[in-house]
Amino acid sequence: MRSTYGTRASICDHFNWTIDYLENGISWAKVQRLMADAPSYDYDDKDEDSKAAKPIKITEQNQADILKMFQ
């Protein structure tokens, strides 16, 4: 999604627009303001209060349980 067309496709997908509407029905300046004002979340790994998942070491004892999580 780093190319111009990938960015346009992701914008259309996000807002449920067509490419024609994006290119001809709305000004690009308005689209840029919509994207700039979109909510976001900063994932800071240094936050001590976050409850990030800790890596799981796969062993012979837990391998069946881990495989079940992905099925």
PDB file of N, CA and C in Angstrom:
ATOM      1  N   MET A   1       0.814  -1.196   0.000  1.00  0.00           N
ATOM      2  CA  MET A   1       0.000   0.000   0.000  1.00  0.00           C
ATOM      3  C   MET A   1       0.861   1.266   0.000  1.00  0.00           C
ATOM      4  N   ARG A   2       2.063   1.166  -0.495  1.00  0.00           N
ATOM      5  CA  ARG A   2       2.925   2.348  -0.504  1.00  0.00           C
ATOM      6  C   ARG A   2       2.872   3.092  -1.828  1.00  0.00           C
ATOM      7  N   SER A   3       2.282   2.494  -2.846  1.00  0.00           N
ATOM      8  CA  SER A   3       2.180   3.188  -4.122  1.00  0.00           C
ATOM      9  C   SER A   3       0.961   4.111  -4.092  1.00  0.00           C
ATOM     10  N   THR A   4       0.897   4.980  -5.062  1.00  0.00           N
ATOM     11  CA  THR A   4      -0.234   5.899  -5.164  1.00  0.00           C
ATOM     12  C   THR A   4      -1.545   5.138  -5.289  1.00  0.00           C
ATOM     13  N   TYR A   5      -1.548   4.092  -6.101  1.00  0.00           N
ATOM     14  CA  TYR A   5      -2.787   3.347  -6.306  1.00  0.00           C
ATOM     15  C   TYR A   5      -3.159   2.519  -5.082  1.00  0.00           C
ATOM     16  N   GLY A   6      -2.174   2.011  -4.367  1.00  0.00           N
ATOM     17  CA  GLY A   6      -2.459   1.280  -3.138  1.00  0.00           C
ATOM     18  C   GLY A   6      -3.050   2.184  -2.079  1.00  0.00           C
ATOM     19  N   THR A   7      -2.533   3.403  -1.982  1.00  0.00           N
ATOM     20  CA  THR A   7      -3.073   4.368  -1.025  1.00  0.00           C
ATOM     21  C   THR A   7      -4.509   4.725  -1.390  1.00  0.00           C
ATOM     22  N   ARG A   8      -4.751   4.959  -2.647  1.00  0.00           N
ATOM     23  CA  ARG A   8      -6.113   5.291  -3.081  1.00  0.00           C
ATOM     24  C   ARG A   8      -7.064   4.132  -2.828  1.00  0.00           C
ATOM     25  N   ALA A   9      -6.602   2.917  -3.085  1.00  0.00           N
ATOM     26  CA  ALA A   9      -7.450   1.751  -2.857  1.00  0.00           C
ATOM     27  C   ALA A   9      -7.767   1.594  -1.373  1.00  0.00           C
ATOM     28  N   SER A  10      -6.794   1.836  -0.504  1.00  0.00           N
ATOM     29  CA  SER A  10      -7.064   1.705   0.929  1.00  0.00           C
ATOM     30  C   SER A  10      -7.997   2.805   1.420  1.00  0.00           C
ATOM     31  N   ILE A  11      -7.909   3.998   0.866  1.00  0.00           N
ATOM     32  CA  ILE A  11      -8.841   5.072   1.225  1.00  0.00           C
ATOM     33  C   ILE A  11     -10.251   4.696   0.795  1.00  0.00           C
ATOM     34  N   CYS A  12     -10.393   4.189  -0.434  1.00  0.00           N
ATOM     35  CA  CYS A  12     -11.713   3.775  -0.918  1.00  0.00           C
ATOM     36  C   CYS A  12     -12.274   2.662  -0.057  1.00  0.00           C
ATOM     37  N   ASP A  13     -11.422   1.728   0.337  1.00  0.00           N
ATOM     38  CA  ASP A  13     -11.874   0.625   1.184  1.00  0.00           C
ATOM     39  C   ASP A  13     -12.304   1.144   2.555  1.00  0.00           C
ATOM     40  N   HIS A  14     -11.546   2.066   3.100  1.00  0.00           N
ATOM     41  CA  HIS A  14     -11.853   2.598   4.427  1.00  0.00           C
ATOM     42  C   HIS A  14     -13.184   3.353   4.456  1.00  0.00           C
ATOM     43  N   PHE A  15     -13.404   4.197   3.465  1.00  0.00           N
ATOM     44  CA  PHE A  15     -14.621   5.016   3.434  1.00  0.00           C
ATOM     45  C   PHE A  15     -15.752   4.386   2.615  1.00  0.00           C
ATOM     46  N   ASN A  16     -15.503   3.219   2.013  1.00  0.00           N
ATOM     47  CA  ASN A  16     -16.490   2.542   1.178  1.00  0.00           C
ATOM     48  C   ASN A  16     -16.883   3.412  -0.019  1.00  0.00           C
ATOM     49  N   TRP A  17     -15.873   3.990  -0.667  1.00  0.00           N
ATOM     50  CA  TRP A  17     -16.057   4.814  -1.847  1.00  0.00           C
ATOM     51  C   TRP A  17     -15.603   4.048  -3.076  1.00  0.00           C
ATOM     52  N   THR A  18     -15.967   4.573  -4.248  1.00  0.00           N
ATOM     53  CA  THR A  18     -15.429   4.052  -5.502  1.00  0.00           C
ATOM     54  C   THR A  18     -14.230   4.907  -5.903  1.00  0.00           C
ATOM     55  N   ILE A  19     -13.392   4.367  -6.775  1.00  0.00           N
ATOM     56  CA  ILE A  19     -12.245   5.133  -7.277  1.00  0.00           C
ATOM     57  C   ILE A  19     -12.741   6.370  -8.018  1.00  0.00           C
ATOM     58  N   ASP A  20     -13.833   6.233  -8.768  1.00  0.00           N
ATOM     59  CA  ASP A  20     -14.390   7.367  -9.503  1.00  0.00           C
ATOM     60  C   ASP A  20     -14.792   8.482  -8.551  1.00  0.00           C
ATOM     61  N   TYR A  21     -15.434   8.147  -7.425  1.00  0.00           N
ATOM     62  CA  TYR A  21     -15.822   9.178  -6.461  1.00  0.00           C
ATOM     63  C   TYR A  21     -14.580   9.837  -5.857  1.00  0.00           C
ATOM     64  N   LEU A  22     -13.559   9.039  -5.543  1.00  0.00           N
ATOM     65  CA  LEU A  22     -12.357   9.594  -4.954  1.00  0.00           C
ATOM     66  C   LEU A  22     -11.663  10.559  -5.909  1.00  0.00           C
ATOM     67  N   GLU A  23     -11.618  10.198  -7.190  1.00  0.00           N
ATOM     68  CA  GLU A  23     -10.895  11.021  -8.155  1.00  0.00           C
ATOM     69  C   GLU A  23     -11.719  12.179  -8.694  1.00  0.00           C
ATOM     70  N   ASN A  24     -13.051  12.037  -8.749  1.00  0.00           N
ATOM     71  CA  ASN A  24     -13.865  13.072  -9.393  1.00  0.00           C
ATOM     72  C   ASN A  24     -14.946  13.678  -8.504  1.00  0.00           C
ATOM     73  N   GLY A  25     -15.314  13.003  -7.419  1.00  0.00           N
ATOM     74  CA  GLY A  25     -16.447  13.465  -6.628  1.00  0.00           C
ATOM     75  C   GLY A  25     -16.102  14.227  -5.370  1.00  0.00           C
ATOM     76  N   ILE A  26     -14.856  14.214  -4.943  1.00  0.00           N
ATOM     77  CA  ILE A  26     -14.466  14.884  -3.716  1.00  0.00           C
ATOM     78  C   ILE A  26     -13.080  15.480  -3.923  1.00  0.00           C
ATOM     79  N   SER A  27     -12.842  16.627  -3.320  1.00  0.00           N
ATOM     80  CA  SER A  27     -11.541  17.259  -3.513  1.00  0.00           C
ATOM     81  C   SER A  27     -10.464  16.513  -2.723  1.00  0.00           C
ATOM     82  N   TRP A  28      -9.264  16.462  -3.303  1.00  0.00           N
ATOM     83  CA  TRP A  28      -8.166  15.760  -2.664  1.00  0.00           C
ATOM     84  C   TRP A  28      -7.782  16.424  -1.339  1.00  0.00           C
ATOM     85  N   ALA A  29      -7.937  17.745  -1.248  1.00  0.00           N
ATOM     86  CA  ALA A  29      -7.635  18.452   0.000  1.00  0.00           C
ATOM     87  C   ALA A  29      -8.562  17.988   1.120  1.00  0.00           C
ATOM     88  N   LYS A  30      -9.824  17.750   0.789  1.00  0.00           N
ATOM     89  CA  LYS A  30     -10.770  17.260   1.800  1.00  0.00           C
ATOM     90  C   LYS A  30     -10.416  15.843   2.241  1.00  0.00           C
ATOM     91  N   VAL A  31      -9.994  15.006   1.296  1.00  0.00           N
ATOM     92  CA  VAL A  31      -9.586  13.643   1.638  1.00  0.00           C
ATOM     93  C   VAL A  31      -8.378  13.681   2.569  1.00  0.00           C
ATOM     94  N   GLN A  32      -7.422  14.553   2.288  1.00  0.00           N
ATOM     95  CA  GLN A  32      -6.237  14.671   3.140  1.00  0.00           C
ATOM     96  C   GLN A  32      -6.605  15.116   4.554  1.00  0.00           C
ATOM     97  N   ARG A  33      -7.558  16.037   4.673  1.00  0.00           N
ATOM     98  CA  ARG A  33      -8.003  16.473   6.004  1.00  0.00           C
ATOM     99  C   ARG A  33      -8.715  15.344   6.730  1.00  0.00           C
ATOM    100  N   LEU A  34      -9.523  14.562   6.006  1.00  0.00           N
ATOM    101  CA  LEU A  34     -10.191  13.417   6.629  1.00  0.00           C
ATOM    102  C   LEU A  34      -9.174  12.412   7.158  1.00  0.00           C
ATOM    103  N   MET A  35      -8.145  12.146   6.385  1.00  0.00           N
ATOM    104  CA  MET A  35      -7.142  11.182   6.811  1.00  0.00           C
ATOM    105  C   MET A  35      -6.288  11.729   7.955  1.00  0.00           C
ATOM    106  N   ALA A  36      -6.000  13.024   7.941  1.00  0.00           N
ATOM    107  CA  ALA A  36      -5.192  13.615   9.009  1.00  0.00           C
ATOM    108  C   ALA A  36      -5.951  13.624  10.330  1.00  0.00           C
ATOM    109  N   ASP A  37      -7.268  13.787  10.270  1.00  0.00           N
ATOM    110  CA  ASP A  37      -8.083  13.839  11.486  1.00  0.00           C
ATOM    111  C   ASP A  37      -8.567  12.471  11.941  1.00  0.00           C
ATOM    112  N   ALA A  38      -8.212  11.431  11.216  1.00  0.00           N
ATOM    113  CA  ALA A  38      -8.657  10.082  11.589  1.00  0.00           C
ATOM    114  C   ALA A  38      -8.037   9.677  12.921  1.00  0.00           C
ATOM    115  N   PRO A  39      -8.803   9.005  13.765  1.00  0.00           N
ATOM    116  CA  PRO A  39      -8.236   8.588  15.044  1.00  0.00           C
ATOM    117  C   PRO A  39      -7.126   7.561  14.830  1.00  0.00           C
ATOM    118  N   SER A  40      -6.164   7.599  15.720  1.00  0.00           N
ATOM    119  CA  SER A  40      -5.074   6.635  15.654  1.00  0.00           C
ATOM    120  C   SER A  40      -4.626   6.302  17.068  1.00  0.00           C
ATOM    121  N   TYR A  41      -3.801   5.305  17.172  1.00  0.00           N
ATOM    122  CA  TYR A  41      -3.295   4.893  18.470  1.00  0.00           C
ATOM    123  C   TYR A  41      -1.795   4.703  18.360  1.00  0.00           C
ATOM    124  N   ASP A  42      -1.064   5.268  19.296  1.00  0.00           N
ATOM    125  CA  ASP A  42       0.386   5.154  19.314  1.00  0.00           C
ATOM    126  C   ASP A  42       0.768   3.960  20.174  1.00  0.00           C
ATOM    127  N   TYR A  43       1.310   2.941  19.553  1.00  0.00           N
ATOM    128  CA  TYR A  43       1.725   1.749  20.280  1.00  0.00           C
ATOM    129  C   TYR A  43       3.120   1.978  20.835  1.00  0.00           C
ATOM    130  N   ASP A  44       3.193   2.316  22.087  1.00  0.00           N
ATOM    131  CA  ASP A  44       4.475   2.589  22.723  1.00  0.00           C
ATOM    132  C   ASP A  44       4.881   1.386  23.554  1.00  0.00           C
ATOM    133  N   ASP A  45       5.953   0.724  23.157  1.00  0.00           N
ATOM    134  CA  ASP A  45       6.413  -0.456  23.879  1.00  0.00           C
ATOM    135  C   ASP A  45       6.988  -0.122  25.240  1.00  0.00           C
ATOM    136  N   LYS A  46       7.301   1.123  25.477  1.00  0.00           N
ATOM    137  CA  LYS A  46       7.908   1.506  26.742  1.00  0.00           C
ATOM    138  C   LYS A  46       6.880   1.734  27.837  1.00  0.00           C
ATOM    139  N   ASP A  47       5.608   1.662  27.499  1.00  0.00           N
ATOM    140  CA  ASP A  47       4.542   1.879  28.471  1.00  0.00           C
ATOM    141  C   ASP A  47       4.475   0.691  29.425  1.00  0.00           C
ATOM    142  N   GLU A  48       4.744   0.930  30.706  1.00  0.00           N
ATOM    143  CA  GLU A  48       4.769  -0.152  31.688  1.00  0.00           C
ATOM    144  C   GLU A  48       3.376  -0.666  32.023  1.00  0.00           C
ATOM    145  N   ASP A  49       2.351   0.145  31.825  1.00  0.00           N
ATOM    146  CA  ASP A  49       0.990  -0.266  32.148  1.00  0.00           C
ATOM    147  C   ASP A  49       0.366  -1.143  31.070  1.00  0.00           C
ATOM    148  N   SER A  50       0.988  -1.201  29.900  1.00  0.00           N
ATOM    149  CA  SER A  50       0.408  -2.004  28.827  1.00  0.00           C
ATOM    150  C   SER A  50       0.571  -3.474  29.154  1.00  0.00           C
ATOM    151  N   LYS A  51      -0.397  -4.243  28.706  1.00  0.00           N
ATOM    152  CA  LYS A  51      -0.376  -5.676  28.968  1.00  0.00           C
ATOM    153  C   LYS A  51      -0.107  -6.407  27.666  1.00  0.00           C
ATOM    154  N   ALA A  52       1.074  -6.157  27.124  1.00  0.00           N
ATOM    155  CA  ALA A  52       1.447  -6.795  25.865  1.00  0.00           C
ATOM    156  C   ALA A  52       1.682  -8.279  26.094  1.00  0.00           C
ATOM    157  N   ALA A  53       1.355  -9.038  25.092  1.00  0.00           N
ATOM    158  CA  ALA A  53       1.539 -10.484  25.195  1.00  0.00           C
ATOM    159  C   ALA A  53       3.019 -10.808  25.235  1.00  0.00           C
ATOM    160  N   LYS A  54       3.371 -11.693  26.121  1.00  0.00           N
ATOM    161  CA  LYS A  54       4.761 -12.117  26.230  1.00  0.00           C
ATOM    162  C   LYS A  54       4.990 -13.269  25.261  1.00  0.00           C
ATOM    163  N   PRO A  55       6.185 -13.373  24.725  1.00  0.00           N
ATOM    164  CA  PRO A  55       6.469 -14.475  23.803  1.00  0.00           C
ATOM    165  C   PRO A  55       6.305 -15.826  24.495  1.00  0.00           C
ATOM    166  N   ILE A  56       5.816 -16.776  23.735  1.00  0.00           N
ATOM    167  CA  ILE A  56       5.619 -18.127  24.256  1.00  0.00           C
ATOM    168  C   ILE A  56       6.696 -19.021  23.672  1.00  0.00           C
ATOM    169  N   LYS A  57       7.366 -19.764  24.534  1.00  0.00           N
ATOM    170  CA  LYS A  57       8.370 -20.703  24.069  1.00  0.00           C
ATOM    171  C   LYS A  57       7.678 -22.033  23.777  1.00  0.00           C
ATOM    172  N   ILE A  58       7.871 -22.534  22.567  1.00  0.00           N
ATOM    173  CA  ILE A  58       7.238 -23.786  22.168  1.00  0.00           C
ATOM    174  C   ILE A  58       8.111 -24.950  22.640  1.00  0.00           C
ATOM    175  N   THR A  59       7.485 -25.826  23.389  1.00  0.00           N
ATOM    176  CA  THR A  59       8.160 -27.033  23.871  1.00  0.00           C
ATOM    177  C   THR A  59       7.353 -28.246  23.453  1.00  0.00           C
ATOM    178  N   GLU A  60       7.892 -29.408  23.714  1.00  0.00           N
ATOM    179  CA  GLU A  60       7.157 -30.633  23.379  1.00  0.00           C
ATOM    180  C   GLU A  60       5.883 -30.755  24.197  1.00  0.00           C
ATOM    181  N   GLN A  61       5.876 -30.183  25.402  1.00  0.00           N
ATOM    182  CA  GLN A  61       4.712 -30.285  26.271  1.00  0.00           C
ATOM    183  C   GLN A  61       3.566 -29.370  25.828  1.00  0.00           C
ATOM    184  N   ASN A  62       3.873 -28.211  25.244  1.00  0.00           N
ATOM    185  CA  ASN A  62       2.807 -27.272  24.894  1.00  0.00           C
ATOM    186  C   ASN A  62       2.553 -27.152  23.397  1.00  0.00           C
ATOM    187  N   GLN A  63       3.252 -27.900  22.572  1.00  0.00           N
ATOM    188  CA  GLN A  63       3.102 -27.725  21.129  1.00  0.00           C
ATOM    189  C   GLN A  63       1.695 -28.051  20.634  1.00  0.00           C
ATOM    190  N   ALA A  64       1.041 -29.052  21.204  1.00  0.00           N
ATOM    191  CA  ALA A  64      -0.323 -29.401  20.774  1.00  0.00           C
ATOM    192  C   ALA A  64      -1.294 -28.281  21.134  1.00  0.00           C
ATOM    193  N   ASP A  65      -1.138 -27.681  22.318  1.00  0.00           N
ATOM    194  CA  ASP A  65      -2.015 -26.581  22.726  1.00  0.00           C
ATOM    195  C   ASP A  65      -1.830 -25.361  21.835  1.00  0.00           C
ATOM    196  N   ILE A  66      -0.611 -25.083  21.454  1.00  0.00           N
ATOM    197  CA  ILE A  66      -0.343 -23.924  20.585  1.00  0.00           C
ATOM    198  C   ILE A  66      -0.940 -24.159  19.200  1.00  0.00           C
ATOM    199  N   LEU A  67      -0.826 -25.359  18.682  1.00  0.00           N
ATOM    200  CA  LEU A  67      -1.431 -25.653  17.383  1.00  0.00           C
ATOM    201  C   LEU A  67      -2.945 -25.516  17.415  1.00  0.00           C
ATOM    202  N   LYS A  68      -3.563 -25.866  18.529  1.00  0.00           N
ATOM    203  CA  LYS A  68      -5.021 -25.734  18.672  1.00  0.00           C
ATOM    204  C   LYS A  68      -5.448 -24.269  18.623  1.00  0.00           C
ATOM    205  N   MET A  69      -4.590 -23.358  19.108  1.00  0.00           N
ATOM    206  CA  MET A  69      -4.924 -21.925  19.089  1.00  0.00           C
ATOM    207  C   MET A  69      -5.053 -21.403  17.654  1.00  0.00           C
ATOM    208  N   PHE A  70      -4.317 -22.002  16.730  1.00  0.00           N
ATOM    209  CA  PHE A  70      -4.327 -21.528  15.350  1.00  0.00           C
ATOM    210  C   PHE A  70      -5.346 -22.250  14.478  1.00  0.00           C
ATOM    211  N   GLN A  71      -6.036 -23.241  15.015  1.00  0.00           N
ATOM    212  CA  GLN A  71      -7.009 -23.977  14.224  1.00  0.00           C
ATOM    213  C   GLN A  71      -8.401 -23.472  14.463  1.00  0.00           C
TER     214      GLN A  71
END
